[in-house]
Full PDB file with SEQRES, HELIX, SHEET, SSBOND, CRYST1, ORIGX, SCALE, CONECT and MASTER records, all heavy atoms in Angstrom:
SEQRES   1 A   30  VAL TYR PRO PHE ARG CYS GLN VAL CYS THR TYR ARG PHE          
SEQRES   2 A   30  ARG ALA TRP ARG PRO GLY THR ARG TYR SER ARG GLN SER          
SEQRES   3 A   30  ASP ASP ARG ARG                                              
SHEET    1 AA1 2 TYR A   2  ARG A   5  0                                        
SHEET    2 AA1 2 ARG A  12  ALA A  15 -1                                        
CRYST1    1.000    1.000    1.000  90.00  90.00  90.00 P 1           1          
ORIGX1      1.000000  0.000000  0.000000        0.00000                         
ORIGX2      0.000000  1.000000  0.000000        0.00000                         
ORIGX3      0.000000  0.000000  1.000000        0.00000                         
SCALE1      1.000000  0.000000  0.000000        0.00000                         
SCALE2      0.000000  1.000000  0.000000        0.00000                         
SCALE3      0.000000  0.000000  1.000000        0.00000                         
ATOM      1  N   VAL A   1     145.365 -12.430 102.103  1.00  0.00           N  
ATOM      2  CA  VAL A   1     145.230 -12.493 103.553  1.00  0.00           C  
ATOM      3  C   VAL A   1     143.772 -12.190 103.886  1.00  0.00           C  
ATOM      4  O   VAL A   1     143.275 -11.106 103.574  1.00  0.00           O  
ATOM      5  CB  VAL A   1     146.176 -11.497 104.260  1.00  0.00           C  
ATOM      6  CG1 VAL A   1     145.964 -11.545 105.771  1.00  0.00           C  
ATOM      7  CG2 VAL A   1     147.624 -11.793 103.908  1.00  0.00           C  
ATOM      8  N   TYR A   2     143.100 -13.164 104.526  1.00  0.00           N  
ATOM      9  CA  TYR A   2     141.672 -13.048 104.793  1.00  0.00           C  
ATOM     10  C   TYR A   2     141.376 -13.237 106.273  1.00  0.00           C  
ATOM     11  O   TYR A   2     142.093 -13.952 106.971  1.00  0.00           O  
ATOM     12  CB  TYR A   2     140.898 -14.104 104.001  1.00  0.00           C  
ATOM     13  CG  TYR A   2     141.052 -13.968 102.515  1.00  0.00           C  
ATOM     14  CD1 TYR A   2     141.965 -14.749 101.812  1.00  0.00           C  
ATOM     15  CD2 TYR A   2     140.293 -13.049 101.807  1.00  0.00           C  
ATOM     16  CE1 TYR A   2     142.112 -14.629 100.436  1.00  0.00           C  
ATOM     17  CE2 TYR A   2     140.432 -12.920 100.430  1.00  0.00           C  
ATOM     18  CZ  TYR A   2     141.345 -13.709  99.757  1.00  0.00           C  
ATOM     19  OH  TYR A   2     141.479 -13.576  98.402  1.00  0.00           O  
ATOM     20  N   PRO A   3     140.273 -12.636 106.762  1.00  0.00           N  
ATOM     21  CA  PRO A   3     139.875 -12.833 108.161  1.00  0.00           C  
ATOM     22  C   PRO A   3     139.068 -14.125 108.321  1.00  0.00           C  
ATOM     23  O   PRO A   3     138.296 -14.507 107.444  1.00  0.00           O  
ATOM     24  CB  PRO A   3     139.004 -11.611 108.451  1.00  0.00           C  
ATOM     25  CG  PRO A   3     138.442 -11.225 107.124  1.00  0.00           C  
ATOM     26  CD  PRO A   3     139.475 -11.611 106.098  1.00  0.00           C  
ATOM     27  N   PHE A   4     139.272 -14.785 109.462  1.00  0.00           N  
ATOM     28  CA  PHE A   4     138.558 -16.006 109.807  1.00  0.00           C  
ATOM     29  C   PHE A   4     138.092 -15.914 111.250  1.00  0.00           C  
ATOM     30  O   PHE A   4     138.629 -15.146 112.042  1.00  0.00           O  
ATOM     31  CB  PHE A   4     139.467 -17.239 109.652  1.00  0.00           C  
ATOM     32  CG  PHE A   4     139.821 -17.540 108.236  1.00  0.00           C  
ATOM     33  CD1 PHE A   4     140.935 -16.962 107.650  1.00  0.00           C  
ATOM     34  CD2 PHE A   4     139.039 -18.388 107.468  1.00  0.00           C  
ATOM     35  CE1 PHE A   4     141.275 -17.224 106.332  1.00  0.00           C  
ATOM     36  CE2 PHE A   4     139.365 -18.654 106.153  1.00  0.00           C  
ATOM     37  CZ  PHE A   4     140.479 -18.077 105.580  1.00  0.00           C  
ATOM     38  N   ARG A   5     137.091 -16.723 111.612  1.00  0.00           N  
ATOM     39  CA  ARG A   5     136.583 -16.793 112.979  1.00  0.00           C  
ATOM     40  C   ARG A   5     136.560 -18.254 113.386  1.00  0.00           C  
ATOM     41  O   ARG A   5     135.994 -19.095 112.692  1.00  0.00           O  
ATOM     42  CB  ARG A   5     135.174 -16.215 113.049  1.00  0.00           C  
ATOM     43  CG  ARG A   5     134.463 -16.396 114.345  1.00  0.00           C  
ATOM     44  CD  ARG A   5     134.783 -15.389 115.400  1.00  0.00           C  
ATOM     45  NE  ARG A   5     134.390 -14.045 115.004  1.00  0.00           N  
ATOM     46  CZ  ARG A   5     134.716 -12.976 115.699  1.00  0.00           C  
ATOM     47  NH1 ARG A   5     135.411 -13.095 116.812  1.00  0.00           N  
ATOM     48  NH2 ARG A   5     134.369 -11.780 115.295  1.00  0.00           N  
ATOM     49  N   CYS A   6     137.207 -18.578 114.516  1.00  0.00           N  
ATOM     50  CA  CYS A   6     137.200 -19.939 115.039  1.00  0.00           C  
ATOM     51  C   CYS A   6     135.807 -20.245 115.583  1.00  0.00           C  
ATOM     52  O   CYS A   6     135.245 -19.454 116.344  1.00  0.00           O  
ATOM     53  CB  CYS A   6     138.249 -20.102 116.133  1.00  0.00           C  
ATOM     54  SG  CYS A   6     138.284 -21.768 116.830  1.00  0.00           S  
ATOM     55  N   GLN A   7     135.267 -21.397 115.215  1.00  0.00           N  
ATOM     56  CA  GLN A   7     133.940 -21.791 115.665  1.00  0.00           C  
ATOM     57  C   GLN A   7     133.962 -22.400 117.058  1.00  0.00           C  
ATOM     58  O   GLN A   7     132.920 -22.641 117.643  1.00  0.00           O  
ATOM     59  CB  GLN A   7     133.330 -22.788 114.672  1.00  0.00           C  
ATOM     60  CG  GLN A   7     133.161 -22.218 113.285  1.00  0.00           C  
ATOM     61  CD  GLN A   7     132.184 -21.067 113.261  1.00  0.00           C  
ATOM     62  OE1 GLN A   7     130.991 -21.255 113.478  1.00  0.00           O  
ATOM     63  NE2 GLN A   7     132.672 -19.865 113.024  1.00  0.00           N  
ATOM     64  N   VAL A   8     135.150 -22.642 117.596  1.00  0.00           N  
ATOM     65  CA  VAL A   8     135.273 -23.240 118.922  1.00  0.00           C  
ATOM     66  C   VAL A   8     135.578 -22.186 119.976  1.00  0.00           C  
ATOM     67  O   VAL A   8     134.812 -21.973 120.899  1.00  0.00           O  
ATOM     68  CB  VAL A   8     136.347 -24.347 118.930  1.00  0.00           C  
ATOM     69  CG1 VAL A   8     136.505 -24.938 120.317  1.00  0.00           C  
ATOM     70  CG2 VAL A   8     136.003 -25.428 117.920  1.00  0.00           C  
ATOM     71  N   CYS A   9     136.707 -21.488 119.835  1.00  0.00           N  
ATOM     72  CA  CYS A   9     137.097 -20.504 120.858  1.00  0.00           C  
ATOM     73  C   CYS A   9     136.664 -19.089 120.497  1.00  0.00           C  
ATOM     74  O   CYS A   9     136.875 -18.167 121.273  1.00  0.00           O  
ATOM     75  CB  CYS A   9     138.600 -20.557 121.105  1.00  0.00           C  
ATOM     76  SG  CYS A   9     139.622 -19.837 119.794  1.00  0.00           S  
ATOM     77  N   THR A  10     136.083 -18.881 119.334  1.00  0.00           N  
ATOM     78  CA  THR A  10     135.522 -17.621 118.819  1.00  0.00           C  
ATOM     79  C   THR A  10     136.581 -16.572 118.477  1.00  0.00           C  
ATOM     80  O   THR A  10     136.249 -15.432 118.208  1.00  0.00           O  
ATOM     81  CB  THR A  10     134.470 -16.996 119.767  1.00  0.00           C  
ATOM     82  OG1 THR A  10     135.101 -16.493 120.923  1.00  0.00           O  
ATOM     83  CG2 THR A  10     133.383 -18.006 120.140  1.00  0.00           C  
ATOM     84  N   TYR A  11     137.844 -16.957 118.443  1.00  0.00           N  
ATOM     85  CA  TYR A  11     138.932 -16.033 118.142  1.00  0.00           C  
ATOM     86  C   TYR A  11     138.868 -15.604 116.673  1.00  0.00           C  
ATOM     87  O   TYR A  11     138.680 -16.439 115.785  1.00  0.00           O  
ATOM     88  CB  TYR A  11     140.266 -16.710 118.444  1.00  0.00           C  
ATOM     89  CG  TYR A  11     141.483 -15.837 118.272  1.00  0.00           C  
ATOM     90  CD1 TYR A  11     141.677 -14.710 119.060  1.00  0.00           C  
ATOM     91  CD2 TYR A  11     142.454 -16.169 117.342  1.00  0.00           C  
ATOM     92  CE1 TYR A  11     142.802 -13.920 118.915  1.00  0.00           C  
ATOM     93  CE2 TYR A  11     143.590 -15.384 117.185  1.00  0.00           C  
ATOM     94  CZ  TYR A  11     143.756 -14.262 117.978  1.00  0.00           C  
ATOM     95  OH  TYR A  11     144.875 -13.485 117.822  1.00  0.00           O  
ATOM     96  N   ARG A  12     139.007 -14.302 116.407  1.00  0.00           N  
ATOM     97  CA  ARG A  12     139.041 -13.784 115.032  1.00  0.00           C  
ATOM     98  C   ARG A  12     140.498 -13.515 114.679  1.00  0.00           C  
ATOM     99  O   ARG A  12     141.223 -12.884 115.450  1.00  0.00           O  
ATOM    100  CB  ARG A  12     138.230 -12.504 114.912  1.00  0.00           C  
ATOM    101  CG  ARG A  12     138.083 -12.020 113.469  1.00  0.00           C  
ATOM    102  CD  ARG A  12     137.165 -10.794 113.425  1.00  0.00           C  
ATOM    103  NE  ARG A  12     136.829 -10.417 112.068  1.00  0.00           N  
ATOM    104  CZ  ARG A  12     137.585  -9.648 111.294  1.00  0.00           C  
ATOM    105  NH1 ARG A  12     138.734  -9.178 111.729  1.00  0.00           N  
ATOM    106  NH2 ARG A  12     137.190  -9.343 110.070  1.00  0.00           N  
ATOM    107  N   PHE A  13     140.922 -14.005 113.520  1.00  0.00           N  
ATOM    108  CA  PHE A  13     142.311 -13.862 113.110  1.00  0.00           C  
ATOM    109  C   PHE A  13     142.385 -13.766 111.593  1.00  0.00           C  
ATOM    110  O   PHE A  13     141.393 -13.982 110.891  1.00  0.00           O  
ATOM    111  CB  PHE A  13     143.151 -15.054 113.607  1.00  0.00           C  
ATOM    112  CG  PHE A  13     142.692 -16.381 113.050  1.00  0.00           C  
ATOM    113  CD1 PHE A  13     143.310 -16.924 111.932  1.00  0.00           C  
ATOM    114  CD2 PHE A  13     141.655 -17.077 113.639  1.00  0.00           C  
ATOM    115  CE1 PHE A  13     142.888 -18.135 111.403  1.00  0.00           C  
ATOM    116  CE2 PHE A  13     141.221 -18.291 113.114  1.00  0.00           C  
ATOM    117  CZ  PHE A  13     141.846 -18.819 112.002  1.00  0.00           C  
ATOM    118  N   ARG A  14     143.558 -13.444 111.085  1.00  0.00           N  
ATOM    119  CA  ARG A  14     143.786 -13.389 109.639  1.00  0.00           C  
ATOM    120  C   ARG A  14     144.749 -14.496 109.253  1.00  0.00           C  
ATOM    121  O   ARG A  14     145.652 -14.824 110.022  1.00  0.00           O  
ATOM    122  CB  ARG A  14     144.365 -12.037 109.245  1.00  0.00           C  
ATOM    123  CG  ARG A  14     143.428 -10.889 109.516  1.00  0.00           C  
ATOM    124  CD  ARG A  14     144.034  -9.573 109.060  1.00  0.00           C  
ATOM    125  NE  ARG A  14     143.277  -8.469 109.596  1.00  0.00           N  
ATOM    126  CZ  ARG A  14     143.754  -7.616 110.474  1.00  0.00           C  
ATOM    127  NH1 ARG A  14     144.991  -7.695 110.901  1.00  0.00           N  
ATOM    128  NH2 ARG A  14     142.995  -6.638 110.924  1.00  0.00           N  
ATOM    129  N   ALA A  15     144.541 -15.031 108.059  1.00  0.00           N  
ATOM    130  CA  ALA A  15     145.428 -16.098 107.580  1.00  0.00           C  
ATOM    131  C   ALA A  15     145.749 -15.865 106.109  1.00  0.00           C  
ATOM    132  O   ALA A  15     144.911 -15.391 105.337  1.00  0.00           O  
ATOM    133  CB  ALA A  15     144.769 -17.466 107.756  1.00  0.00           C  
ATOM    134  N   TRP A  16     146.960 -16.214 105.751  1.00  0.00           N  
ATOM    135  CA  TRP A  16     147.420 -16.105 104.370  1.00  0.00           C  
ATOM    136  C   TRP A  16     146.992 -17.353 103.626  1.00  0.00           C  
ATOM    137  O   TRP A  16     147.299 -18.470 104.028  1.00  0.00           O  
ATOM    138  CB  TRP A  16     148.938 -15.955 104.354  1.00  0.00           C  
ATOM    139  CG  TRP A  16     149.510 -15.731 102.984  1.00  0.00           C  
ATOM    140  CD1 TRP A  16     149.075 -14.855 102.046  1.00  0.00           C  
ATOM    141  CD2 TRP A  16     150.646 -16.381 102.418  1.00  0.00           C  
ATOM    142  NE1 TRP A  16     149.862 -14.908 100.926  1.00  0.00           N  
ATOM    143  CE2 TRP A  16     150.849 -15.848 101.136  1.00  0.00           C  
ATOM    144  CE3 TRP A  16     151.522 -17.364 102.876  1.00  0.00           C  
ATOM    145  CZ2 TRP A  16     151.867 -16.267 100.300  1.00  0.00           C  
ATOM    146  CZ3 TRP A  16     152.539 -17.772 102.050  1.00  0.00           C  
ATOM    147  CH2 TRP A  16     152.701 -17.219 100.769  1.00  0.00           C  
ATOM    148  N   ARG A  17     146.262 -17.189 102.554  1.00  0.00           N  
ATOM    149  CA  ARG A  17     145.740 -18.297 101.750  1.00  0.00           C  
ATOM    150  C   ARG A  17     146.210 -18.101 100.314  1.00  0.00           C  
ATOM    151  O   ARG A  17     145.439 -17.702  99.443  1.00  0.00           O  
ATOM    152  CB  ARG A  17     144.211 -18.311 101.813  1.00  0.00           C  
ATOM    153  CG  ARG A  17     143.638 -18.369 103.214  1.00  0.00           C  
ATOM    154  CD  ARG A  17     143.847 -19.686 103.892  1.00  0.00           C  
ATOM    155  NE  ARG A  17     143.071 -20.652 103.146  1.00  0.00           N  
ATOM    156  CZ  ARG A  17     143.446 -21.899 102.938  1.00  0.00           C  
ATOM    157  NH1 ARG A  17     144.564 -22.339 103.432  1.00  0.00           N  
ATOM    158  NH2 ARG A  17     142.704 -22.711 102.237  1.00  0.00           N  
ATOM    159  N   PRO A  18     147.512 -18.337 100.040  1.00  0.00           N  
ATOM    160  CA  PRO A  18     148.063 -18.056  98.712  1.00  0.00           C  
ATOM    161  C   PRO A  18     147.303 -18.788  97.602  1.00  0.00           C  
ATOM    162  O   PRO A  18     147.003 -19.973  97.721  1.00  0.00           O  
ATOM    163  CB  PRO A  18     149.512 -18.532  98.813  1.00  0.00           C  
ATOM    164  CG  PRO A  18     149.544 -19.464  99.963  1.00  0.00           C  
ATOM    165  CD  PRO A  18     148.471 -19.022 100.894  1.00  0.00           C  
ATOM    166  N   GLY A  19     146.958 -18.028  96.581  1.00  0.00           N  
ATOM    167  CA  GLY A  19     146.263 -18.599  95.432  1.00  0.00           C  
ATOM    168  C   GLY A  19     144.771 -18.766  95.619  1.00  0.00           C  
ATOM    169  O   GLY A  19     144.071 -19.174  94.694  1.00  0.00           O  
ATOM    170  N   THR A  20     144.251 -18.469  96.780  1.00  0.00           N  
ATOM    171  CA  THR A  20     142.822 -18.629  97.047  1.00  0.00           C  
ATOM    172  C   THR A  20     142.139 -17.275  96.999  1.00  0.00           C  
ATOM    173  O   THR A  20     142.555 -16.345  97.676  1.00  0.00           O  
ATOM    174  CB  THR A  20     142.583 -19.256  98.438  1.00  0.00           C  
ATOM    175  OG1 THR A  20     143.269 -20.493  98.521  1.00  0.00           O  
ATOM    176  CG2 THR A  20     141.107 -19.469  98.696  1.00  0.00           C  
ATOM    177  N   ARG A  21     141.120 -17.167  96.181  1.00  0.00           N  
ATOM    178  CA  ARG A  21     140.309 -15.945  96.125  1.00  0.00           C  
ATOM    179  C   ARG A  21     138.922 -16.284  96.651  1.00  0.00           C  
ATOM    180  O   ARG A  21     138.287 -17.226  96.197  1.00  0.00           O  
ATOM    181  CB  ARG A  21     140.185 -15.433  94.683  1.00  0.00           C  
ATOM    182  CG  ARG A  21     141.422 -14.754  94.190  1.00  0.00           C  
ATOM    183  CD  ARG A  21     141.516 -13.349  94.747  1.00  0.00           C  
ATOM    184  NE  ARG A  21     142.748 -12.741  94.281  1.00  0.00           N  
ATOM    185  CZ  ARG A  21     143.506 -11.967  95.022  1.00  0.00           C  
ATOM    186  NH1 ARG A  21     143.164 -11.689  96.256  1.00  0.00           N  
ATOM    187  NH2 ARG A  21     144.600 -11.461  94.542  1.00  0.00           N  
ATOM    188  N   TYR A  22     138.489 -15.521  97.617  1.00  0.00           N  
ATOM    189  CA  TYR A  22     137.140 -15.687  98.151  1.00  0.00           C  
ATOM    190  C   TYR A  22     136.255 -14.633  97.524  1.00  0.00           C  
ATOM    191  O   TYR A  22     136.615 -13.459  97.464  1.00  0.00           O  
ATOM    192  CB  TYR A  22     137.135 -15.524  99.670  1.00  0.00           C  
ATOM    193  CG  TYR A  22     137.835 -16.645 100.394  1.00  0.00           C  
ATOM    194  CD1 TYR A  22     139.135 -16.489 100.848  1.00  0.00           C  
ATOM    195  CD2 TYR A  22     137.200 -17.850 100.620  1.00  0.00           C  
ATOM    196  CE1 TYR A  22     139.787 -17.511 101.523  1.00  0.00           C  
ATOM    197  CE2 TYR A  22     137.838 -18.882 101.281  1.00  0.00           C  
ATOM    198  CZ  TYR A  22     139.131 -18.698 101.736  1.00  0.00           C  
ATOM    199  OH  TYR A  22     139.766 -19.707 102.398  1.00  0.00           O  
ATOM    200  N   SER A  23     135.104 -15.049  97.072  1.00  0.00           N  
ATOM    201  CA  SER A  23     134.172 -14.084  96.501  1.00  0.00           C  
ATOM    202  C   SER A  23     133.510 -13.318  97.636  1.00  0.00           C  
ATOM    203  O   SER A  23     133.549 -13.720  98.791  1.00  0.00           O  
ATOM    204  CB  SER A  23     133.123 -14.797  95.655  1.00  0.00           C  
ATOM    205  OG  SER A  23     132.383 -15.689  96.470  1.00  0.00           O  
ATOM    206  N   ARG A  24     132.908 -12.219  97.279  1.00  0.00           N  
ATOM    207  CA  ARG A  24     132.196 -11.412  98.256  1.00  0.00           C  
ATOM    208  C   ARG A  24     131.144 -12.292  98.918  1.00  0.00           C  
ATOM    209  O   ARG A  24     130.470 -13.078  98.262  1.00  0.00           O  
ATOM    210  CB  ARG A  24     131.531 -10.242  97.553  1.00  0.00           C  
ATOM    211  CG  ARG A  24     131.111  -9.155  98.484  1.00  0.00           C  
ATOM    212  CD  ARG A  24     130.705  -7.976  97.678  1.00  0.00           C  
ATOM    213  NE  ARG A  24     131.923  -7.273  97.280  1.00  0.00           N  
ATOM    214  CZ  ARG A  24     132.110  -5.987  97.489  1.00  0.00           C  
ATOM    215  NH1 ARG A  24     131.169  -5.276  98.038  1.00  0.00           N  
ATOM    216  NH2 ARG A  24     133.231  -5.414  97.128  1.00  0.00           N  
ATOM    217  N   GLN A  25     130.994 -12.165 100.217  1.00  0.00           N  
ATOM    218  CA  GLN A  25     130.078 -13.040 100.943  1.00  0.00           C  
ATOM    219  C   GLN A  25     128.635 -12.631 100.725  1.00  0.00           C  
ATOM    220  O   GLN A  25     128.332 -11.486 100.427  1.00  0.00           O  
ATOM    221  CB  GLN A  25     130.429 -13.048 102.422  1.00  0.00           C  
ATOM    222  CG  GLN A  25     131.798 -13.673 102.642  1.00  0.00           C  
ATOM    223  CD  GLN A  25     132.108 -13.871 104.099  1.00  0.00           C  
ATOM    224  OE1 GLN A  25     131.541 -13.234 104.953  1.00  0.00           O  
ATOM    225  NE2 GLN A  25     133.020 -14.768 104.367  1.00  0.00           N  
ATOM    226  N   SER A  26     127.753 -13.617 100.920  1.00  0.00           N  
ATOM    227  CA  SER A  26     126.328 -13.394 100.725  1.00  0.00           C  
ATOM    228  C   SER A  26     125.781 -12.458 101.796  1.00  0.00           C  
ATOM    229  O   SER A  26     126.492 -12.010 102.682  1.00  0.00           O  
ATOM    230  CB  SER A  26     125.594 -14.739 100.778  1.00  0.00           C  
ATOM    231  OG  SER A  26     125.688 -15.261 102.092  1.00  0.00           O  
ATOM    232  N   ASP A  27     124.497 -12.227 101.739  1.00  0.00           N  
ATOM    233  CA  ASP A  27     123.842 -11.341 102.697  1.00  0.00           C  
ATOM    234  C   ASP A  27     123.879 -11.890 104.120  1.00  0.00           C  
ATOM    235  O   ASP A  27     123.710 -11.153 105.076  1.00  0.00           O  
ATOM    236  CB  ASP A  27     122.394 -11.092 102.286  1.00  0.00           C  
ATOM    237  CG  ASP A  27     122.313 -10.249 101.027  1.00  0.00           C  
ATOM    238  OD1 ASP A  27     123.282  -9.523 100.735  1.00  0.00           O  
ATOM    239  OD2 ASP A  27     121.287 -10.328 100.333  1.00  0.00           O  
ATOM    240  N   ASP A  28     124.066 -13.209 104.264  1.00  0.00           N  
ATOM    241  CA  ASP A  28     124.155 -13.805 105.593  1.00  0.00           C  
ATOM    242  C   ASP A  28     125.513 -13.461 106.188  1.00  0.00           C  
ATOM    243  O   ASP A  28     126.534 -13.986 105.788  1.00  0.00           O  
ATOM    244  CB  ASP A  28     123.969 -15.320 105.503  1.00  0.00           C  
ATOM    245  CG  ASP A  28     123.928 -15.977 106.876  1.00  0.00           C  
ATOM    246  OD1 ASP A  28     124.074 -15.261 107.898  1.00  0.00           O  
ATOM    247  OD2 ASP A  28     123.754 -17.196 106.923  1.00  0.00           O  
ATOM    248  N   ARG A  29     125.527 -12.555 107.145  1.00  0.00           N  
ATOM    249  CA  ARG A  29     126.785 -12.076 107.720  1.00  0.00           C  
ATOM    250  C   ARG A  29     127.152 -12.799 109.008  1.00  0.00           C  
ATOM    251  O   ARG A  29     128.023 -12.367 109.740  1.00  0.00           O  
ATOM    252  CB  ARG A  29     126.682 -10.573 107.981  1.00  0.00           C  
ATOM    253  CG  ARG A  29     126.518  -9.789 106.687  1.00  0.00           C  
ATOM    254  CD  ARG A  29     126.270  -8.346 106.982  1.00  0.00           C  
ATOM    255  NE  ARG A  29     125.027  -8.258 107.756  1.00  0.00           N  
ATOM    256  CZ  ARG A  29     124.588  -7.167 108.359  1.00  0.00           C  
ATOM    257  NH1 ARG A  29     125.271  -6.076 108.318  1.00  0.00           N  
ATOM    258  NH2 ARG A  29     123.459  -7.159 109.019  1.00  0.00           N  
ATOM    259  N   ARG A  30     126.499 -13.901 109.306  1.00  0.00           N  
ATOM    260  CA  ARG A  30     126.803 -14.641 110.525  1.00  0.00           C  
ATOM    261  C   ARG A  30     128.234 -15.134 110.497  1.00  0.00           C  
ATOM    262  O   ARG A  30     128.712 -15.621 109.488  1.00  0.00           O  
ATOM    263  CB  ARG A  30     125.870 -15.832 110.672  1.00  0.00           C  
ATOM    264  CG  ARG A  30     124.443 -15.434 110.928  1.00  0.00           C  
ATOM    265  CD  ARG A  30     123.583 -16.665 111.049  1.00  0.00           C  
ATOM    266  NE  ARG A  30     122.220 -16.269 111.337  1.00  0.00           N  
ATOM    267  CZ  ARG A  30     121.161 -16.879 110.864  1.00  0.00           C  
ATOM    268  NH1 ARG A  30     121.306 -17.927 110.078  1.00  0.00           N  
ATOM    269  NH2 ARG A  30     119.964 -16.465 111.170  1.00  0.00           N  
TER     270      ARG A  30                                                      
MASTER        0    0    0    0    2    0    0    6  269    1    0    3          
END                                                                             
């Protein structure tokens, strides 16, 4: 379960992405 940000309405939410691993994000925190 990972956090996401909508690029249109700017809503921040969490979504279940089974089997998907996201690596730690780069220094760009935008």
